[in-house]
Amino acid sequence: MHFTREQTAELNVLIQFNLDSTMNGIKVHSTAAPEMLEAVERLYRKGMVSSLDGGYLTGLGFTAAEHAQTLRVLLASTDEGA
């Protein structure tokens, strides 16, 4: 099973959030790429962000963003143990 194009776009949005503070949000402008606008809307409908233009992460969104950012770091790591 692969990540869908939509899931990949959502992951790309989630890794934009700064997890050092829950007071840091993002603003996705109406001129952003359509796939980004659609991804933020899906995340909003799933209850992961507070606003249709991004806003802040909800509790669920924070957990998802933590996992997305951890996965990105793990995949970017070198194969030291291999």
PDB file of N, CA and C in Angstrom:
ATOM      1  N   MET A   1       0.848  -1.171   0.000  1.00  0.00           N
ATOM      2  CA  MET A   1       0.000   0.000   0.000  1.00  0.00           C
ATOM      3  C   MET A   1       0.897   1.239   0.000  1.00  0.00           C
ATOM      4  N   HIS A   2       0.517   2.228  -0.778  1.00  0.00           N
ATOM      5  CA  HIS A   2       1.275   3.467  -0.902  1.00  0.00           C
ATOM      6  C   HIS A   2       0.492   4.628  -0.305  1.00  0.00           C
ATOM      7  N   PHE A   3       1.228   5.695   0.038  1.00  0.00           N
ATOM      8  CA  PHE A   3       0.547   6.934   0.394  1.00  0.00           C
ATOM      9  C   PHE A   3      -0.125   7.467  -0.864  1.00  0.00           C
ATOM     10  N   THR A   4      -1.351   7.938  -0.716  1.00  0.00           N
ATOM     11  CA  THR A   4      -2.024   8.555  -1.855  1.00  0.00           C
ATOM     12  C   THR A   4      -1.447   9.951  -2.072  1.00  0.00           C
ATOM     13  N   ARG A   5      -1.737  10.524  -3.202  1.00  0.00           N
ATOM     14  CA  ARG A   5      -1.315  11.894  -3.496  1.00  0.00           C
ATOM     15  C   ARG A   5      -1.879  12.852  -2.443  1.00  0.00           C
ATOM     16  N   GLU A   6      -3.123  12.599  -2.035  1.00  0.00           N
ATOM     17  CA  GLU A   6      -3.766  13.452  -1.038  1.00  0.00           C
ATOM     18  C   GLU A   6      -3.078  13.326   0.319  1.00  0.00           C
ATOM     19  N   GLN A   7      -2.744  12.101   0.711  1.00  0.00           N
ATOM     20  CA  GLN A   7      -2.061  11.891   1.992  1.00  0.00           C
ATOM     21  C   GLN A   7      -0.676  12.532   1.990  1.00  0.00           C
ATOM     22  N   THR A   8       0.022  12.423   0.867  1.00  0.00           N
ATOM     23  CA  THR A   8       1.336  13.046   0.755  1.00  0.00           C
ATOM     24  C   THR A   8       1.229  14.559   0.911  1.00  0.00           C
ATOM     25  N   ALA A   9       0.224  15.152   0.302  1.00  0.00           N
ATOM     26  CA  ALA A   9       0.017  16.599   0.434  1.00  0.00           C
ATOM     27  C   ALA A   9      -0.289  16.966   1.885  1.00  0.00           C
ATOM     28  N   GLU A  10      -1.082  16.155   2.564  1.00  0.00           N
ATOM     29  CA  GLU A  10      -1.405  16.415   3.971  1.00  0.00           C
ATOM     30  C   GLU A  10      -0.157  16.295   4.839  1.00  0.00           C
ATOM     31  N   LEU A  11       0.668  15.294   4.588  1.00  0.00           N
ATOM     32  CA  LEU A  11       1.924  15.150   5.327  1.00  0.00           C
ATOM     33  C   LEU A  11       2.819  16.365   5.107  1.00  0.00           C
ATOM     34  N   ASN A  12       2.863  16.851   3.872  1.00  0.00           N
ATOM     35  CA  ASN A  12       3.673  18.029   3.571  1.00  0.00           C
ATOM     36  C   ASN A  12       3.182  19.260   4.320  1.00  0.00           C
ATOM     37  N   VAL A  13       1.889  19.370   4.538  1.00  0.00           N
ATOM     38  CA  VAL A  13       1.360  20.478   5.346  1.00  0.00           C
ATOM     39  C   VAL A  13       1.749  20.276   6.802  1.00  0.00           C
ATOM     40  N   LEU A  14       1.575  19.085   7.314  1.00  0.00           N
ATOM     41  CA  LEU A  14       1.850  18.824   8.730  1.00  0.00           C
ATOM     42  C   LEU A  14       3.305  19.073   9.106  1.00  0.00           C
ATOM     43  N   ILE A  15       4.235  18.844   8.184  1.00  0.00           N
ATOM     44  CA  ILE A  15       5.643  19.063   8.530  1.00  0.00           C
ATOM     45  C   ILE A  15       6.015  20.544   8.501  1.00  0.00           C
ATOM     46  N   GLN A  16       5.096  21.408   8.088  1.00  0.00           N
ATOM     47  CA  GLN A  16       5.355  22.853   8.101  1.00  0.00           C
ATOM     48  C   GLN A  16       5.189  23.463   9.490  1.00  0.00           C
ATOM     49  N   PHE A  17       4.497  22.776  10.380  1.00  0.00           N
ATOM     50  CA  PHE A  17       4.217  23.326  11.706  1.00  0.00           C
ATOM     51  C   PHE A  17       5.445  23.229  12.608  1.00  0.00           C
ATOM     52  N   ASN A  18       5.673  24.286  13.377  1.00  0.00           N
ATOM     53  CA  ASN A  18       6.718  24.310  14.393  1.00  0.00           C
ATOM     54  C   ASN A  18       6.117  23.708  15.659  1.00  0.00           C
ATOM     55  N   LEU A  19       6.657  22.597  16.098  1.00  0.00           N
ATOM     56  CA  LEU A  19       6.095  21.887  17.244  1.00  0.00           C
ATOM     57  C   LEU A  19       6.664  22.354  18.579  1.00  0.00           C
ATOM     58  N   ASP A  20       7.535  23.363  18.552  1.00  0.00           N
ATOM     59  CA  ASP A  20       8.109  23.872  19.793  1.00  0.00           C
ATOM     60  C   ASP A  20       7.081  24.595  20.648  1.00  0.00           C
ATOM     61  N   SER A  21       6.011  25.075  20.025  1.00  0.00           N
ATOM     62  CA  SER A  21       4.966  25.786  20.768  1.00  0.00           C
ATOM     63  C   SER A  21       3.627  25.579  20.074  1.00  0.00           C
ATOM     64  N   THR A  22       2.596  25.352  20.865  1.00  0.00           N
ATOM     65  CA  THR A  22       1.261  25.207  20.283  1.00  0.00           C
ATOM     66  C   THR A  22       0.702  26.552  19.839  1.00  0.00           C
ATOM     67  N   MET A  23       1.413  27.637  20.141  1.00  0.00           N
ATOM     68  CA  MET A  23       0.979  28.974  19.737  1.00  0.00           C
ATOM     69  C   MET A  23       1.486  29.349  18.350  1.00  0.00           C
ATOM     70  N   ASN A  24       2.244  28.463  17.722  1.00  0.00           N
ATOM     71  CA  ASN A  24       2.735  28.697  16.370  1.00  0.00           C
ATOM     72  C   ASN A  24       1.810  28.010  15.381  1.00  0.00           C
ATOM     73  N   GLY A  25       1.226  28.786  14.497  1.00  0.00           N
ATOM     74  CA  GLY A  25       0.358  28.223  13.474  1.00  0.00           C
ATOM     75  C   GLY A  25       0.909  28.522  12.098  1.00  0.00           C
ATOM     76  N   ILE A  26       0.137  28.198  11.087  1.00  0.00           N
ATOM     77  CA  ILE A  26       0.501  28.544   9.715  1.00  0.00           C
ATOM     78  C   ILE A  26      -0.693  29.204   9.048  1.00  0.00           C
ATOM     79  N   LYS A  27      -0.409  29.985   8.030  1.00  0.00           N
ATOM     80  CA  LYS A  27      -1.444  30.636   7.223  1.00  0.00           C
ATOM     81  C   LYS A  27      -1.190  30.220   5.787  1.00  0.00           C
ATOM     82  N   VAL A  28      -2.142  29.534   5.193  1.00  0.00           N
ATOM     83  CA  VAL A  28      -2.030  29.131   3.798  1.00  0.00           C
ATOM     84  C   VAL A  28      -2.834  30.138   2.987  1.00  0.00           C
ATOM     85  N   HIS A  29      -2.141  30.894   2.172  1.00  0.00           N
ATOM     86  CA  HIS A  29      -2.786  31.953   1.393  1.00  0.00           C
ATOM     87  C   HIS A  29      -3.579  31.376   0.226  1.00  0.00           C
ATOM     88  N   SER A  30      -4.547  32.122  -0.211  1.00  0.00           N
ATOM     89  CA  SER A  30      -5.416  31.675  -1.310  1.00  0.00           C
ATOM     90  C   SER A  30      -4.646  31.495  -2.611  1.00  0.00           C
ATOM     91  N   THR A  31      -3.434  32.043  -2.694  1.00  0.00           N
ATOM     92  CA  THR A  31      -2.617  31.904  -3.900  1.00  0.00           C
ATOM     93  C   THR A  31      -1.720  30.661  -3.858  1.00  0.00           C
ATOM     94  N   ALA A  32      -1.822  29.885  -2.775  1.00  0.00           N
ATOM     95  CA  ALA A  32      -1.014  28.661  -2.654  1.00  0.00           C
ATOM     96  C   ALA A  32      -1.450  27.648  -3.708  1.00  0.00           C
ATOM     97  N   ALA A  33      -0.620  26.661  -3.907  1.00  0.00           N
ATOM     98  CA  ALA A  33      -0.930  25.598  -4.869  1.00  0.00           C
ATOM     99  C   ALA A  33      -2.250  24.929  -4.494  1.00  0.00           C
ATOM    100  N   PRO A  34      -3.063  24.594  -5.490  1.00  0.00           N
ATOM    101  CA  PRO A  34      -4.364  23.975  -5.213  1.00  0.00           C
ATOM    102  C   PRO A  34      -4.269  22.730  -4.336  1.00  0.00           C
ATOM    103  N   GLU A  35      -3.222  21.906  -4.553  1.00  0.00           N
ATOM    104  CA  GLU A  35      -3.124  20.692  -3.738  1.00  0.00           C
ATOM    105  C   GLU A  35      -2.864  21.013  -2.270  1.00  0.00           C
ATOM    106  N   MET A  36      -2.179  22.130  -1.995  1.00  0.00           N
ATOM    107  CA  MET A  36      -1.955  22.533  -0.608  1.00  0.00           C
ATOM    108  C   MET A  36      -3.247  23.055   0.009  1.00  0.00           C
ATOM    109  N   LEU A  37      -3.979  23.857  -0.733  1.00  0.00           N
ATOM    110  CA  LEU A  37      -5.262  24.366  -0.239  1.00  0.00           C
ATOM    111  C   LEU A  37      -6.216  23.215   0.065  1.00  0.00           C
ATOM    112  N   GLU A  38      -6.262  22.238  -0.821  1.00  0.00           N
ATOM    113  CA  GLU A  38      -7.139  21.082  -0.620  1.00  0.00           C
ATOM    114  C   GLU A  38      -6.677  20.243   0.570  1.00  0.00           C
ATOM    115  N   ALA A  39      -5.365  20.109   0.741  1.00  0.00           N
ATOM    116  CA  ALA A  39      -4.834  19.332   1.867  1.00  0.00           C
ATOM    117  C   ALA A  39      -5.202  19.981   3.195  1.00  0.00           C
ATOM    118  N   VAL A  40      -5.077  21.302   3.269  1.00  0.00           N
ATOM    119  CA  VAL A  40      -5.431  22.006   4.509  1.00  0.00           C
ATOM    120  C   VAL A  40      -6.921  21.859   4.785  1.00  0.00           C
ATOM    121  N   GLU A  41      -7.734  21.934   3.750  1.00  0.00           N
ATOM    122  CA  GLU A  41      -9.176  21.757   3.938  1.00  0.00           C
ATOM    123  C   GLU A  41      -9.490  20.358   4.464  1.00  0.00           C
ATOM    124  N   ARG A  42      -8.821  19.337   3.932  1.00  0.00           N
ATOM    125  CA  ARG A  42      -9.041  17.972   4.422  1.00  0.00           C
ATOM    126  C   ARG A  42      -8.599  17.843   5.875  1.00  0.00           C
ATOM    127  N   LEU A  43      -7.456  18.437   6.217  1.00  0.00           N
ATOM    128  CA  LEU A  43      -6.986  18.386   7.604  1.00  0.00           C
ATOM    129  C   LEU A  43      -7.970  19.096   8.528  1.00  0.00           C
ATOM    130  N   TYR A  44      -8.559  20.175   8.062  1.00  0.00           N
ATOM    131  CA  TYR A  44      -9.569  20.888   8.853  1.00  0.00           C
ATOM    132  C   TYR A  44     -10.792  19.989   9.070  1.00  0.00           C
ATOM    133  N   ARG A  45     -11.257  19.343   7.995  1.00  0.00           N
ATOM    134  CA  ARG A  45     -12.424  18.456   8.108  1.00  0.00           C
ATOM    135  C   ARG A  45     -12.145  17.259   9.013  1.00  0.00           C
ATOM    136  N   LYS A  46     -10.892  16.838   9.091  1.00  0.00           N
ATOM    137  CA  LYS A  46     -10.500  15.717   9.952  1.00  0.00           C
ATOM    138  C   LYS A  46     -10.255  16.164  11.388  1.00  0.00           C
ATOM    139  N   GLY A  47     -10.371  17.461  11.637  1.00  0.00           N
ATOM    140  CA  GLY A  47     -10.181  17.978  12.990  1.00  0.00           C
ATOM    141  C   GLY A  47      -8.728  18.116  13.406  1.00  0.00           C
ATOM    142  N   MET A  48      -7.824  18.278  12.447  1.00  0.00           N
ATOM    143  CA  MET A  48      -6.401  18.372  12.772  1.00  0.00           C
ATOM    144  C   MET A  48      -5.878  19.797  12.815  1.00  0.00           C
ATOM    145  N   VAL A  49      -6.538  20.714  12.116  1.00  0.00           N
ATOM    146  CA  VAL A  49      -6.163  22.129  12.173  1.00  0.00           C
ATOM    147  C   VAL A  49      -7.404  22.944  12.507  1.00  0.00           C
ATOM    148  N   SER A  50      -7.172  24.133  13.049  1.00  0.00           N
ATOM    149  CA  SER A  50      -8.274  24.933  13.588  1.00  0.00           C
ATOM    150  C   SER A  50      -9.004  25.782  12.564  1.00  0.00           C
ATOM    151  N   SER A  51      -8.456  25.914  11.364  1.00  0.00           N
ATOM    152  CA  SER A  51      -9.037  26.835  10.394  1.00  0.00           C
ATOM    153  C   SER A  51      -8.862  26.302   8.974  1.00  0.00           C
ATOM    154  N   LEU A  52      -9.732  26.732   8.088  1.00  0.00           N
ATOM    155  CA  LEU A  52      -9.642  26.316   6.682  1.00  0.00           C
ATOM    156  C   LEU A  52      -8.370  26.815   6.004  1.00  0.00           C
ATOM    157  N   ASP A  53      -7.747  27.850   6.559  1.00  0.00           N
ATOM    158  CA  ASP A  53      -6.495  28.349   5.980  1.00  0.00           C
ATOM    159  C   ASP A  53      -5.287  27.933   6.819  1.00  0.00           C
ATOM    160  N   GLY A  54      -5.459  26.903   7.616  1.00  0.00           N
ATOM    161  CA  GLY A  54      -4.371  26.376   8.440  1.00  0.00           C
ATOM    162  C   GLY A  54      -4.620  26.623   9.905  1.00  0.00           C
ATOM    163  N   GLY A  55      -4.222  27.795  10.368  1.00  0.00           N
ATOM    164  CA  GLY A  55      -4.417  28.116  11.774  1.00  0.00           C
ATOM    165  C   GLY A  55      -3.472  27.322  12.654  1.00  0.00           C
ATOM    166  N   TYR A  56      -4.028  26.774  13.725  1.00  0.00           N
ATOM    167  CA  TYR A  56      -3.242  26.040  14.710  1.00  0.00           C
ATOM    168  C   TYR A  56      -3.577  24.555  14.652  1.00  0.00           C
ATOM    169  N   LEU A  57      -2.650  23.755  15.141  1.00  0.00           N
ATOM    170  CA  LEU A  57      -2.906  22.326  15.255  1.00  0.00           C
ATOM    171  C   LEU A  57      -3.841  22.067  16.428  1.00  0.00           C
ATOM    172  N   THR A  58      -4.759  21.150  16.246  1.00  0.00           N
ATOM    173  CA  THR A  58      -5.569  20.655  17.358  1.00  0.00           C
ATOM    174  C   THR A  58      -4.735  19.593  18.083  1.00  0.00           C
ATOM    175  N   GLY A  59      -5.270  19.012  19.131  1.00  0.00           N
ATOM    176  CA  GLY A  59      -4.562  17.927  19.808  1.00  0.00           C
ATOM    177  C   GLY A  59      -4.253  16.782  18.864  1.00  0.00           C
ATOM    178  N   LEU A  60      -5.255  16.385  18.092  1.00  0.00           N
ATOM    179  CA  LEU A  60      -5.067  15.314  17.106  1.00  0.00           C
ATOM    180  C   LEU A  60      -4.042  15.727  16.053  1.00  0.00           C
ATOM    181  N   GLY A  61      -4.140  16.964  15.596  1.00  0.00           N
ATOM    182  CA  GLY A  61      -3.207  17.467  14.596  1.00  0.00           C
ATOM    183  C   GLY A  61      -1.777  17.506  15.098  1.00  0.00           C
ATOM    184  N   PHE A  62      -1.614  17.882  16.373  1.00  0.00           N
ATOM    185  CA  PHE A  62      -0.269  17.917  16.957  1.00  0.00           C
ATOM    186  C   PHE A  62       0.335  16.519  16.962  1.00  0.00           C
ATOM    187  N   THR A  63      -0.454  15.535  17.346  1.00  0.00           N
ATOM    188  CA  THR A  63       0.025  14.149  17.345  1.00  0.00           C
ATOM    189  C   THR A  63       0.393  13.714  15.929  1.00  0.00           C
ATOM    190  N   ALA A  64      -0.460  14.033  14.965  1.00  0.00           N
ATOM    191  CA  ALA A  64      -0.185  13.668  13.572  1.00  0.00           C
ATOM    192  C   ALA A  64       1.073  14.366  13.066  1.00  0.00           C
ATOM    193  N   ALA A  65       1.236  15.643  13.399  1.00  0.00           N
ATOM    194  CA  ALA A  65       2.411  16.395  12.960  1.00  0.00           C
ATOM    195  C   ALA A  65       3.683  15.838  13.595  1.00  0.00           C
ATOM    196  N   GLU A  66       3.608  15.449  14.864  1.00  0.00           N
ATOM    197  CA  GLU A  66       4.771  14.825  15.521  1.00  0.00           C
ATOM    198  C   GLU A  66       5.195  13.572  14.768  1.00  0.00           C
ATOM    199  N   HIS A  67       4.227  12.732  14.447  1.00  0.00           N
ATOM    200  CA  HIS A  67       4.536  11.491  13.733  1.00  0.00           C
ATOM    201  C   HIS A  67       5.067  11.785  12.333  1.00  0.00           C
ATOM    202  N   ALA A  68       4.462  12.732  11.640  1.00  0.00           N
ATOM    203  CA  ALA A  68       4.902  13.079  10.285  1.00  0.00           C
ATOM    204  C   ALA A  68       6.333  13.607  10.305  1.00  0.00           C
ATOM    205  N   GLN A  69       6.628  14.471  11.268  1.00  0.00           N
ATOM    206  CA  GLN A  69       7.967  15.051  11.334  1.00  0.00           C
ATOM    207  C   GLN A  69       9.001  14.014  11.754  1.00  0.00           C
ATOM    208  N   THR A  70       8.628  13.115  12.643  1.00  0.00           N
ATOM    209  CA  THR A  70       9.531  12.035  13.036  1.00  0.00           C
ATOM    210  C   THR A  70       9.809  11.117  11.850  1.00  0.00           C
ATOM    211  N   LEU A  71       8.777  10.773  11.107  1.00  0.00           N
ATOM    212  CA  LEU A  71       8.947   9.927   9.931  1.00  0.00           C
ATOM    213  C   LEU A  71       9.871  10.590   8.915  1.00  0.00           C
ATOM    214  N   ARG A  72       9.703  11.890   8.692  1.00  0.00           N
ATOM    215  CA  ARG A  72      10.559  12.612   7.749  1.00  0.00           C
ATOM    216  C   ARG A  72      12.021  12.526   8.179  1.00  0.00           C
ATOM    217  N   VAL A  73      12.282  12.725   9.466  1.00  0.00           N
ATOM    218  CA  VAL A  73      13.652  12.659   9.979  1.00  0.00           C
ATOM    219  C   VAL A  73      14.214  11.245   9.821  1.00  0.00           C
ATOM    220  N   LEU A  74      13.411  10.251  10.165  1.00  0.00           N
ATOM    221  CA  LEU A  74      13.872   8.867  10.046  1.00  0.00           C
ATOM    222  C   LEU A  74      14.199   8.504   8.602  1.00  0.00           C
ATOM    223  N   LEU A  75      13.366   8.927   7.678  1.00  0.00           N
ATOM    224  CA  LEU A  75      13.598   8.601   6.272  1.00  0.00           C
ATOM    225  C   LEU A  75      14.782   9.364   5.695  1.00  0.00           C
ATOM    226  N   ALA A  76      15.087  10.518   6.273  1.00  0.00           N
ATOM    227  CA  ALA A  76      16.214  11.320   5.801  1.00  0.00           C
ATOM    228  C   ALA A  76      17.539  10.850   6.393  1.00  0.00           C
ATOM    229  N   SER A  77      17.478   9.999   7.415  1.00  0.00           N
ATOM    230  CA  SER A  77      18.690   9.518   8.081  1.00  0.00           C
ATOM    231  C   SER A  77      19.485   8.611   7.156  1.00  0.00           C
ATOM    232  N   THR A  78      20.772   8.569   7.404  1.00  0.00           N
ATOM    233  CA  THR A  78      21.612   7.642   6.645  1.00  0.00           C
ATOM    234  C   THR A  78      21.403   6.238   7.185  1.00  0.00           C
ATOM    235  N   ASP A  79      21.785   5.267   6.418  1.00  0.00           N
ATOM    236  CA  ASP A  79      21.636   3.860   6.817  1.00  0.00           C
ATOM    237  C   ASP A  79      22.838   3.431   7.653  1.00  0.00           C
ATOM    238  N   GLU A  80      23.001   4.031   8.826  1.00  0.00           N
ATOM    239  CA  GLU A  80      24.145   3.722   9.679  1.00  0.00           C
ATOM    240  C   GLU A  80      24.102   2.291  10.197  1.00  0.00           C
ATOM    241  N   GLY A  81      22.903   1.794  10.481  1.00  0.00           N
ATOM    242  CA  GLY A  81      22.792   0.459  11.055  1.00  0.00           C
ATOM    243  C   GLY A  81      22.729  -0.647  10.022  1.00  0.00           C
ATOM    244  N   ALA A  82      22.671  -0.309   8.760  1.00  0.00           N
ATOM    245  CA  ALA A  82      22.513  -1.326   7.712  1.00  0.00           C
ATOM    246  C   ALA A  82      23.835  -1.908   7.291  1.00  0.00           C
TER     247      ALA A  82
END
